[in-house]
Amino acid sequence: MSERLHATVPCLRLSAYLELLVERRINPEIYFSAEALECCDHSVLKQQAALLREAGLSVTLHAPHMDLNPGSLDPYIRNATARRFEELFRAAELLCPKVMVFHPGYDELRYGDYRQAWLDNSIAFWRPMVARASGVGTVIAVENIFDKEPSVLAELLEAIGDPCFCHCFDAGHWHMFNTVSMEAWFERLGHFVAEAHIHDNHGVRDEHLPPGEGTIDFRLLFSLLEQHAPQAVWTLEAHTQERLERALVSVRNYL
C-alpha cells in the first residue's frame, strides 16, 4: 500500500482494527468523535500509537465536528469547539499525525449575510490552533463541506497564511455541492492541499462509496493532485470494513 494512502478508522474501534492495519499495512486516519474524546484512555492510546509507529505506519487524524463551529457567531460555541479541539491535540501529541483534518463550519445558508463576521471569528480562532499544530509537528487541513465554490476557504487560508494551515479536498462533498469545476477548484486552492478525502457518490447524497462506484472523475482528481499537491495524503473514507476492502481494490485503477 502506498505510504501516501490512508483509510478512515473510528477511534472507538481502533483496537479492533489494529491487527488488520498492521497486517495489511494500512495507514489510518483516526476519527475522534466527541464520545471518543470523552472516554479516551491516554495510556491505551499511547500503546496503540507505539504499535502503529513500530509497524512503520503513518497516522492522520480527523477532528470531531458535530455541533462545533470555529467561526460561530456565538462565543459559547466557539469556546466549546476550542475545548474539543484542545482535547484532540492531547491525542495528537501521542499519535504524531502528519495531518489533522477539521471541518471549518461555514454554511452559506446560515452565514451568507454574516460571511465576514464568520471569517473574522474563524481567523481569530485558528491562529492559536496553528501555533499549537506547529508545536506538535503537524499541519491543520480545513475540509470543504457545504462549499459550492472555494472563495470562503481561500480567504480563510490566505488570511492565516501559514504552512501549517492547509486544505483537505473532499471529493464527495465537492461533487454534491459544487458550482465550479474540479479544475477551477484546484486552480484556486490546489497549492494549499495537504490531504484529499477519496470517496464516491452520485452527486445527491454523501454515500461514501468506493471510487468508481459513483460518478466522480477520479482520473481527473488524481491528475490534479499530482499537478498541484504531489505530497498530499490520500484518505479512503469508507465507513464500513466491507466498503474499505472494495475501495482498496478499486483505488488501484487510479494510482
C-alpha atoms as a PDB file:
ATOM      1  CA  MET A   1       0.000   0.000   0.000  1.00  0.00           C
ATOM      2  CA  SER A   2       1.297   3.461  -0.875  1.00  0.00           C
ATOM      3  CA  GLU A   3       2.632   5.361   2.120  1.00  0.00           C
ATOM      4  CA  ARG A   4       0.521   8.313   0.943  1.00  0.00           C
ATOM      5  CA  LEU A   5      -2.703   6.290   1.133  1.00  0.00           C
ATOM      6  CA  HIS A   6      -4.684   6.259   4.370  1.00  0.00           C
ATOM      7  CA  ALA A   7      -8.072   4.875   5.417  1.00  0.00           C
ATOM      8  CA  THR A   8     -10.572   6.211   7.933  1.00  0.00           C
ATOM      9  CA  VAL A   9     -10.851   4.285  11.209  1.00  0.00           C
ATOM     10  CA  PRO A  10     -13.102   5.373  14.113  1.00  0.00           C
ATOM     11  CA  CYS A  11     -11.088   5.839  17.298  1.00  0.00           C
ATOM     12  CA  LEU A  12     -13.732   3.889  19.217  1.00  0.00           C
ATOM     13  CA  ARG A  13     -12.912   0.855  17.038  1.00  0.00           C
ATOM     14  CA  LEU A  14      -9.163   1.339  16.763  1.00  0.00           C
ATOM     15  CA  SER A  15      -8.382  -1.648  18.993  1.00  0.00           C
ATOM     16  CA  ALA A  16     -10.490  -3.905  16.780  1.00  0.00           C
ATOM     17  CA  TYR A  17      -8.783  -2.599  13.627  1.00  0.00           C
ATOM     18  CA  LEU A  18      -5.165  -2.642  14.853  1.00  0.00           C
ATOM     19  CA  GLU A  19      -4.328  -6.166  13.721  1.00  0.00           C
ATOM     20  CA  LEU A  20      -5.788  -5.509  10.261  1.00  0.00           C
ATOM     21  CA  LEU A  21      -3.941  -2.191   9.933  1.00  0.00           C
ATOM     22  CA  VAL A  22      -0.584  -3.701  10.845  1.00  0.00           C
ATOM     23  CA  GLU A  23      -1.025  -6.912   8.842  1.00  0.00           C
ATOM     24  CA  ARG A  24      -2.227  -5.127   5.692  1.00  0.00           C
ATOM     25  CA  ARG A  25      -0.004  -2.075   6.232  1.00  0.00           C
ATOM     26  CA  ILE A  26      -2.936   0.338   6.080  1.00  0.00           C
ATOM     27  CA  ASN A  27      -2.153   3.836   7.309  1.00  0.00           C
ATOM     28  CA  PRO A  28      -5.070   5.011   9.460  1.00  0.00           C
ATOM     29  CA  GLU A  29      -6.879   8.325   9.578  1.00  0.00           C
ATOM     30  CA  ILE A  30      -8.285   8.082  13.086  1.00  0.00           C
ATOM     31  CA  TYR A  31     -11.625   9.825  13.588  1.00  0.00           C
ATOM     32  CA  PHE A  32     -12.171  11.182  17.073  1.00  0.00           C
ATOM     33  CA  SER A  33     -15.839  11.842  17.785  1.00  0.00           C
ATOM     34  CA  ALA A  34     -16.816  13.785  20.895  1.00  0.00           C
ATOM     35  CA  GLU A  35     -17.687  10.451  22.512  1.00  0.00           C
ATOM     36  CA  ALA A  36     -14.237   9.082  21.704  1.00  0.00           C
ATOM     37  CA  LEU A  37     -12.578  12.096  23.318  1.00  0.00           C
ATOM     38  CA  GLU A  38     -14.842  11.825  26.383  1.00  0.00           C
ATOM     39  CA  CYS A  39     -13.803   8.241  27.060  1.00  0.00           C
ATOM     40  CA  CYS A  40     -10.242   8.383  25.719  1.00  0.00           C
ATOM     41  CA  ASP A  41      -7.768   6.435  27.870  1.00  0.00           C
ATOM     42  CA  HIS A  42      -4.450   8.089  27.078  1.00  0.00           C
ATOM     43  CA  SER A  43      -2.418   5.178  28.456  1.00  0.00           C
ATOM     44  CA  VAL A  44      -4.155   2.844  25.970  1.00  0.00           C
ATOM     45  CA  LEU A  45      -3.804   5.395  23.178  1.00  0.00           C
ATOM     46  CA  LYS A  46      -0.081   5.654  23.914  1.00  0.00           C
ATOM     47  CA  GLN A  47       0.270   1.876  23.494  1.00  0.00           C
ATOM     48  CA  GLN A  48      -1.713   1.963  20.243  1.00  0.00           C
ATOM     49  CA  ALA A  49       0.447   4.796  18.950  1.00  0.00           C
ATOM     50  CA  ALA A  50       3.587   2.800  19.744  1.00  0.00           C
ATOM     51  CA  LEU A  51       2.242  -0.219  17.848  1.00  0.00           C
ATOM     52  CA  LEU A  52       1.453   1.879  14.785  1.00  0.00           C
ATOM     53  CA  ARG A  53       4.844   3.563  14.942  1.00  0.00           C
ATOM     54  CA  GLU A  54       6.691   0.226  15.311  1.00  0.00           C
ATOM     55  CA  ALA A  55       4.806  -1.050  12.259  1.00  0.00           C
ATOM     56  CA  GLY A  56       6.045   1.947  10.288  1.00  0.00           C
ATOM     57  CA  LEU A  57       2.524   3.248   9.657  1.00  0.00           C
ATOM     58  CA  SER A  58       1.703   6.889   9.086  1.00  0.00           C
ATOM     59  CA  VAL A  59      -1.191   8.453  11.015  1.00  0.00           C
ATOM     60  CA  THR A  60      -3.587  11.294  10.260  1.00  0.00           C
ATOM     61  CA  LEU A  61      -6.422  12.471  12.495  1.00  0.00           C
ATOM     62  CA  HIS A  62      -9.953  13.693  11.850  1.00  0.00           C
ATOM     63  CA  ALA A  63     -11.362  16.100  14.420  1.00  0.00           C
ATOM     64  CA  PRO A  64     -14.838  15.931  15.970  1.00  0.00           C
ATOM     65  CA  HIS A  65     -17.293  18.146  14.117  1.00  0.00           C
ATOM     66  CA  MET A  66     -20.898  17.543  15.137  1.00  0.00           C
ATOM     67  CA  ASP A  67     -22.388  20.795  16.607  1.00  0.00           C
ATOM     68  CA  LEU A  68     -18.979  22.524  16.551  1.00  0.00           C
ATOM     69  CA  ASN A  69     -18.095  25.669  14.616  1.00  0.00           C
ATOM     70  CA  PRO A  70     -14.817  27.639  14.852  1.00  0.00           C
ATOM     71  CA  GLY A  71     -16.449  30.672  13.208  1.00  0.00           C
ATOM     72  CA  SER A  72     -19.713  30.626  15.125  1.00  0.00           C
ATOM     73  CA  LEU A  73     -21.238  33.988  15.986  1.00  0.00           C
ATOM     74  CA  ASP A  74     -21.958  32.577  19.463  1.00  0.00           C
ATOM     75  CA  PRO A  75     -18.834  32.748  21.685  1.00  0.00           C
ATOM     76  CA  TYR A  76     -20.111  29.829  23.778  1.00  0.00           C
ATOM     77  CA  ILE A  77     -19.995  27.583  20.711  1.00  0.00           C
ATOM     78  CA  ARG A  78     -16.539  28.829  19.746  1.00  0.00           C
ATOM     79  CA  ASN A  79     -15.315  28.110  23.280  1.00  0.00           C
ATOM     80  CA  ALA A  80     -16.815  24.607  23.257  1.00  0.00           C
ATOM     81  CA  THR A  81     -15.197  23.997  19.860  1.00  0.00           C
ATOM     82  CA  ALA A  82     -11.813  25.148  21.153  1.00  0.00           C
ATOM     83  CA  ARG A  83     -12.134  22.842  24.160  1.00  0.00           C
ATOM     84  CA  ARG A  84     -12.855  19.811  21.980  1.00  0.00           C
ATOM     85  CA  PHE A  85     -10.001  20.653  19.648  1.00  0.00           C
ATOM     86  CA  GLU A  86      -7.633  21.038  22.579  1.00  0.00           C
ATOM     87  CA  GLU A  87      -8.612  17.519  23.678  1.00  0.00           C
ATOM     88  CA  LEU A  88      -7.742  16.300  20.183  1.00  0.00           C
ATOM     89  CA  PHE A  89      -4.327  17.951  20.381  1.00  0.00           C
ATOM     90  CA  ARG A  90      -3.622  15.945  23.535  1.00  0.00           C
ATOM     91  CA  ALA A  91      -4.203  12.804  21.469  1.00  0.00           C
ATOM     92  CA  ALA A  92      -2.091  14.237  18.646  1.00  0.00           C
ATOM     93  CA  GLU A  93       0.875  14.589  20.994  1.00  0.00           C
ATOM     94  CA  LEU A  94       0.807  10.783  21.362  1.00  0.00           C
ATOM     95  CA  LEU A  95      -0.041   9.849  17.762  1.00  0.00           C
ATOM     96  CA  CYS A  96       2.202  12.374  15.946  1.00  0.00           C
ATOM     97  CA  PRO A  97      -0.094  12.760  12.911  1.00  0.00           C
ATOM     98  CA  LYS A  98       1.070  14.066   9.539  1.00  0.00           C
ATOM     99  CA  VAL A  99      -2.219  15.948   9.093  1.00  0.00           C
ATOM    100  CA  MET A 100      -5.186  16.856  11.300  1.00  0.00           C
ATOM    101  CA  VAL A 101      -8.435  17.396   9.381  1.00  0.00           C
ATOM    102  CA  PHE A 102     -11.065  19.831  10.680  1.00  0.00           C
ATOM    103  CA  HIS A 103     -14.467  20.975   9.445  1.00  0.00           C
ATOM    104  CA  PRO A 104     -14.387  24.773   9.202  1.00  0.00           C
ATOM    105  CA  GLY A 105     -18.140  25.163   9.818  1.00  0.00           C
ATOM    106  CA  TYR A 106     -19.166  27.561   7.060  1.00  0.00           C
ATOM    107  CA  ASP A 107     -22.614  27.119   5.531  1.00  0.00           C
ATOM    108  CA  GLU A 108     -23.842  29.722   3.069  1.00  0.00           C
ATOM    109  CA  LEU A 109     -27.486  29.144   4.031  1.00  0.00           C
ATOM    110  CA  ARG A 110     -26.782  30.112   7.645  1.00  0.00           C
ATOM    111  CA  TYR A 111     -23.905  32.556   7.297  1.00  0.00           C
ATOM    112  CA  GLY A 112     -24.401  34.125   3.887  1.00  0.00           C
ATOM    113  CA  ASP A 113     -25.391  37.508   5.374  1.00  0.00           C
ATOM    114  CA  TYR A 114     -22.718  37.161   8.075  1.00  0.00           C
ATOM    115  CA  ARG A 115     -19.867  35.898   5.924  1.00  0.00           C
ATOM    116  CA  GLN A 116     -17.352  38.492   7.097  1.00  0.00           C
ATOM    117  CA  ALA A 117     -18.272  38.039  10.757  1.00  0.00           C
ATOM    118  CA  TRP A 118     -17.824  34.278  10.390  1.00  0.00           C
ATOM    119  CA  LEU A 119     -14.471  34.813   8.652  1.00  0.00           C
ATOM    120  CA  ASP A 120     -13.244  37.254  11.313  1.00  0.00           C
ATOM    121  CA  ASN A 121     -14.165  34.810  14.082  1.00  0.00           C
ATOM    122  CA  SER A 122     -12.534  31.927  12.204  1.00  0.00           C
ATOM    123  CA  ILE A 123      -9.287  33.789  11.628  1.00  0.00           C
ATOM    124  CA  ALA A 124      -9.042  34.683  15.318  1.00  0.00           C
ATOM    125  CA  PHE A 125      -9.915  31.107  16.295  1.00  0.00           C
ATOM    126  CA  TRP A 126      -7.395  29.344  14.062  1.00  0.00           C
ATOM    127  CA  ARG A 127      -4.292  31.434  14.749  1.00  0.00           C
ATOM    128  CA  PRO A 128      -3.556  29.887  18.176  1.00  0.00           C
ATOM    129  CA  MET A 129      -4.558  26.457  16.833  1.00  0.00           C
ATOM    130  CA  VAL A 130      -1.975  26.793  14.059  1.00  0.00           C
ATOM    131  CA  ALA A 131       0.687  27.610  16.626  1.00  0.00           C
ATOM    132  CA  ARG A 132      -0.418  24.516  18.574  1.00  0.00           C
ATOM    133  CA  ALA A 133      -0.150  22.375  15.431  1.00  0.00           C
ATOM    134  CA  SER A 134       3.333  23.697  14.715  1.00  0.00           C
ATOM    135  CA  GLY A 135       4.387  22.724  18.226  1.00  0.00           C
ATOM    136  CA  VAL A 136       3.092  19.180  17.705  1.00  0.00           C
ATOM    137  CA  GLY A 137       4.830  18.943  14.320  1.00  0.00           C
ATOM    138  CA  THR A 138       1.662  18.541  12.268  1.00  0.00           C
ATOM    139  CA  VAL A 139      -0.497  20.587   9.913  1.00  0.00           C
ATOM    140  CA  ILE A 140      -4.166  21.539  10.088  1.00  0.00           C
ATOM    141  CA  ALA A 141      -6.251  20.905   6.962  1.00  0.00           C
ATOM    142  CA  VAL A 142      -9.700  22.500   6.730  1.00  0.00           C
ATOM    143  CA  GLU A 143     -12.145  20.454   4.671  1.00  0.00           C
ATOM    144  CA  ASN A 144     -14.767  21.611   2.204  1.00  0.00           C
ATOM    145  CA  ILE A 145     -18.219  20.547   3.420  1.00  0.00           C
ATOM    146  CA  PHE A 146     -21.131  22.585   2.001  1.00  0.00           C
ATOM    147  CA  ASP A 147     -18.907  24.882  -0.041  1.00  0.00           C
ATOM    148  CA  LYS A 148     -20.242  25.462  -3.560  1.00  0.00           C
ATOM    149  CA  GLU A 149     -17.057  27.244  -4.637  1.00  0.00           C
ATOM    150  CA  PRO A 150     -13.687  27.850  -2.985  1.00  0.00           C
ATOM    151  CA  SER A 151     -13.701  31.583  -2.183  1.00  0.00           C
ATOM    152  CA  VAL A 152     -14.539  31.392   1.548  1.00  0.00           C
ATOM    153  CA  LEU A 153     -11.914  28.732   2.228  1.00  0.00           C
ATOM    154  CA  ALA A 154      -9.430  30.654   0.094  1.00  0.00           C
ATOM    155  CA  GLU A 155      -9.984  33.841   2.112  1.00  0.00           C
ATOM    156  CA  LEU A 156      -9.520  31.912   5.364  1.00  0.00           C
ATOM    157  CA  LEU A 157      -6.376  30.119   4.199  1.00  0.00           C
ATOM    158  CA  GLU A 158      -4.851  33.285   2.746  1.00  0.00           C
ATOM    159  CA  ALA A 159      -5.639  35.314   5.878  1.00  0.00           C
ATOM    160  CA  ILE A 160      -3.869  32.789   8.123  1.00  0.00           C
ATOM    161  CA  GLY A 161      -1.019  32.450   5.636  1.00  0.00           C
ATOM    162  CA  ASP A 162       0.878  29.729   7.467  1.00  0.00           C
ATOM    163  CA  PRO A 163       2.316  26.491   6.024  1.00  0.00           C
ATOM    164  CA  CYS A 164       0.751  24.635   8.969  1.00  0.00           C
ATOM    165  CA  PHE A 165      -2.740  25.713   7.844  1.00  0.00           C
ATOM    166  CA  CYS A 166      -3.830  23.840   4.731  1.00  0.00           C
ATOM    167  CA  HIS A 167      -6.798  22.402   2.855  1.00  0.00           C
ATOM    168  CA  CYS A 168      -8.346  18.947   2.728  1.00  0.00           C
ATOM    169  CA  PHE A 169     -10.171  18.485  -0.574  1.00  0.00           C
ATOM    170  CA  ASP A 170     -13.153  16.196  -0.084  1.00  0.00           C
ATOM    171  CA  ALA A 171     -14.141  14.788  -3.474  1.00  0.00           C
ATOM    172  CA  GLY A 172     -17.563  13.587  -2.353  1.00  0.00           C
ATOM    173  CA  HIS A 173     -18.564  16.923  -0.818  1.00  0.00           C
ATOM    174  CA  TRP A 174     -17.336  18.823  -3.878  1.00  0.00           C
ATOM    175  CA  HIS A 175     -19.422  16.572  -6.127  1.00  0.00           C
ATOM    176  CA  MET A 176     -22.599  17.211  -4.117  1.00  0.00           C
ATOM    177  CA  PHE A 177     -22.399  20.984  -3.794  1.00  0.00           C
ATOM    178  CA  ASN A 178     -20.083  22.368  -6.473  1.00  0.00           C
ATOM    179  CA  THR A 179     -20.891  25.241  -8.780  1.00  0.00           C
ATOM    180  CA  VAL A 180     -17.356  25.279 -10.218  1.00  0.00           C
ATOM    181  CA  SER A 181     -15.329  22.594 -11.983  1.00  0.00           C
ATOM    182  CA  MET A 182     -12.771  20.485 -10.170  1.00  0.00           C
ATOM    183  CA  GLU A 183     -10.091  22.172 -12.290  1.00  0.00           C
ATOM    184  CA  ALA A 184     -11.278  25.627 -11.139  1.00  0.00           C
ATOM    185  CA  TRP A 185     -11.276  24.484  -7.513  1.00  0.00           C
ATOM    186  CA  PHE A 186      -7.693  23.274  -7.743  1.00  0.00           C
ATOM    187  CA  GLU A 187      -6.634  26.373  -9.643  1.00  0.00           C
ATOM    188  CA  ARG A 188      -7.637  28.404  -6.578  1.00  0.00           C
ATOM    189  CA  LEU A 189      -6.801  26.025  -3.719  1.00  0.00           C
ATOM    190  CA  GLY A 190      -4.541  23.327  -5.161  1.00  0.00           C
ATOM    191  CA  HIS A 191      -1.348  24.706  -3.644  1.00  0.00           C
ATOM    192  CA  PHE A 192      -2.983  24.588  -0.176  1.00  0.00           C
ATOM    193  CA  VAL A 193      -3.973  20.904  -0.404  1.00  0.00           C
ATOM    194  CA  ALA A 194      -2.333  18.680   2.212  1.00  0.00           C
ATOM    195  CA  GLU A 195      -4.875  15.862   2.016  1.00  0.00           C
ATOM    196  CA  ALA A 196      -7.706  14.569  -0.169  1.00  0.00           C
ATOM    197  CA  HIS A 197     -10.666  12.521   1.006  1.00  0.00           C
ATOM    198  CA  ILE A 198     -11.359   9.826  -1.561  1.00  0.00           C
ATOM    199  CA  HIS A 199     -14.943   8.559  -1.751  1.00  0.00           C
ATOM    200  CA  ASP A 200     -17.606   8.462  -4.441  1.00  0.00           C
ATOM    201  CA  ASN A 201     -21.281   9.351  -4.822  1.00  0.00           C
ATOM    202  CA  HIS A 202     -23.864  10.186  -7.473  1.00  0.00           C
ATOM    203  CA  GLY A 203     -23.986  13.900  -6.688  1.00  0.00           C
ATOM    204  CA  VAL A 204     -27.067  13.782  -4.433  1.00  0.00           C
ATOM    205  CA  ARG A 205     -26.202  12.042  -1.142  1.00  0.00           C
ATOM    206  CA  ASP A 206     -22.956  11.624   0.789  1.00  0.00           C
ATOM    207  CA  GLU A 207     -22.861   7.909   0.012  1.00  0.00           C
ATOM    208  CA  HIS A 208     -19.172   7.287   0.803  1.00  0.00           C
ATOM    209  CA  LEU A 209     -18.864   4.715  -1.975  1.00  0.00           C
ATOM    210  CA  PRO A 210     -15.554   3.225  -3.104  1.00  0.00           C
ATOM    211  CA  PRO A 211     -14.031   5.173  -6.024  1.00  0.00           C
ATOM    212  CA  GLY A 212     -15.557   4.149  -9.333  1.00  0.00           C
ATOM    213  CA  GLU A 213     -18.955   3.215  -7.902  1.00  0.00           C
ATOM    214  CA  GLY A 214     -20.410   6.728  -8.315  1.00  0.00           C
ATOM    215  CA  THR A 215     -19.950   9.464 -10.901  1.00  0.00           C
ATOM    216  CA  ILE A 216     -16.829  11.349  -9.766  1.00  0.00           C
ATOM    217  CA  ASP A 217     -13.995  11.552 -12.303  1.00  0.00           C
ATOM    218  CA  PHE A 218     -11.166  10.147 -10.182  1.00  0.00           C
ATOM    219  CA  ARG A 219      -8.708  10.056 -13.068  1.00  0.00           C
ATOM    220  CA  LEU A 220      -9.082  13.816 -13.243  1.00  0.00           C
ATOM    221  CA  LEU A 221      -8.805  14.137  -9.456  1.00  0.00           C
ATOM    222  CA  PHE A 222      -5.572  12.166  -9.196  1.00  0.00           C
ATOM    223  CA  SER A 223      -4.172  14.082 -12.163  1.00  0.00           C
ATOM    224  CA  LEU A 224      -4.947  17.384 -10.403  1.00  0.00           C
ATOM    225  CA  LEU A 225      -3.453  16.132  -7.144  1.00  0.00           C
ATOM    226  CA  GLU A 226      -0.225  15.155  -8.886  1.00  0.00           C
ATOM    227  CA  GLN A 227      -0.119  18.532 -10.604  1.00  0.00           C
ATOM    228  CA  HIS A 228      -0.963  20.794  -7.667  1.00  0.00           C
ATOM    229  CA  ALA A 229      -0.271  18.795  -4.487  1.00  0.00           C
ATOM    230  CA  PRO A 230       2.146  15.929  -5.197  1.00  0.00           C
ATOM    231  CA  GLN A 231       2.888  15.384  -1.496  1.00  0.00           C
ATOM    232  CA  ALA A 232      -0.736  15.308  -0.332  1.00  0.00           C
ATOM    233  CA  VAL A 233      -2.123  12.409   1.689  1.00  0.00           C
ATOM    234  CA  TRP A 234      -4.972  10.420   0.079  1.00  0.00           C
ATOM    235  CA  THR A 235      -7.549   9.086   2.540  1.00  0.00           C
ATOM    236  CA  LEU A 236     -10.159   6.480   1.644  1.00  0.00           C
ATOM    237  CA  GLU A 237     -13.283   7.476   3.543  1.00  0.00           C
ATOM    238  CA  ALA A 238     -15.059   4.122   3.580  1.00  0.00           C
ATOM    239  CA  HIS A 239     -17.429   3.859   6.533  1.00  0.00           C
ATOM    240  CA  THR A 240     -17.532   0.056   6.754  1.00  0.00           C
ATOM    241  CA  GLN A 241     -14.820  -2.590   6.540  1.00  0.00           C
ATOM    242  CA  GLU A 242     -16.584  -4.182   3.574  1.00  0.00           C
ATOM    243  CA  ARG A 243     -16.520  -0.898   1.643  1.00  0.00           C
ATOM    244  CA  LEU A 244     -12.906  -0.363   2.646  1.00  0.00           C
ATOM    245  CA  GLU A 245     -11.990  -3.715   1.099  1.00  0.00           C
ATOM    246  CA  ARG A 246     -13.690  -2.688  -2.162  1.00  0.00           C
ATOM    247  CA  ALA A 247     -12.070   0.748  -2.057  1.00  0.00           C
ATOM    248  CA  LEU A 248      -8.591  -0.726  -1.567  1.00  0.00           C
ATOM    249  CA  VAL A 249      -9.104  -2.714  -4.775  1.00  0.00           C
ATOM    250  CA  SER A 250     -10.768  -0.016  -6.877  1.00  0.00           C
ATOM    251  CA  VAL A 251      -8.312   2.764  -5.981  1.00  0.00           C
ATOM    252  CA  ARG A 252      -5.537   0.794  -7.684  1.00  0.00           C
ATOM    253  CA  ASN A 253      -7.166   1.688 -11.006  1.00  0.00           C
ATOM    254  CA  TYR A 254      -6.192   5.328 -10.422  1.00  0.00           C
ATOM    255  CA  LEU A 255      -2.776   5.098  -8.764  1.00  0.00           C
END
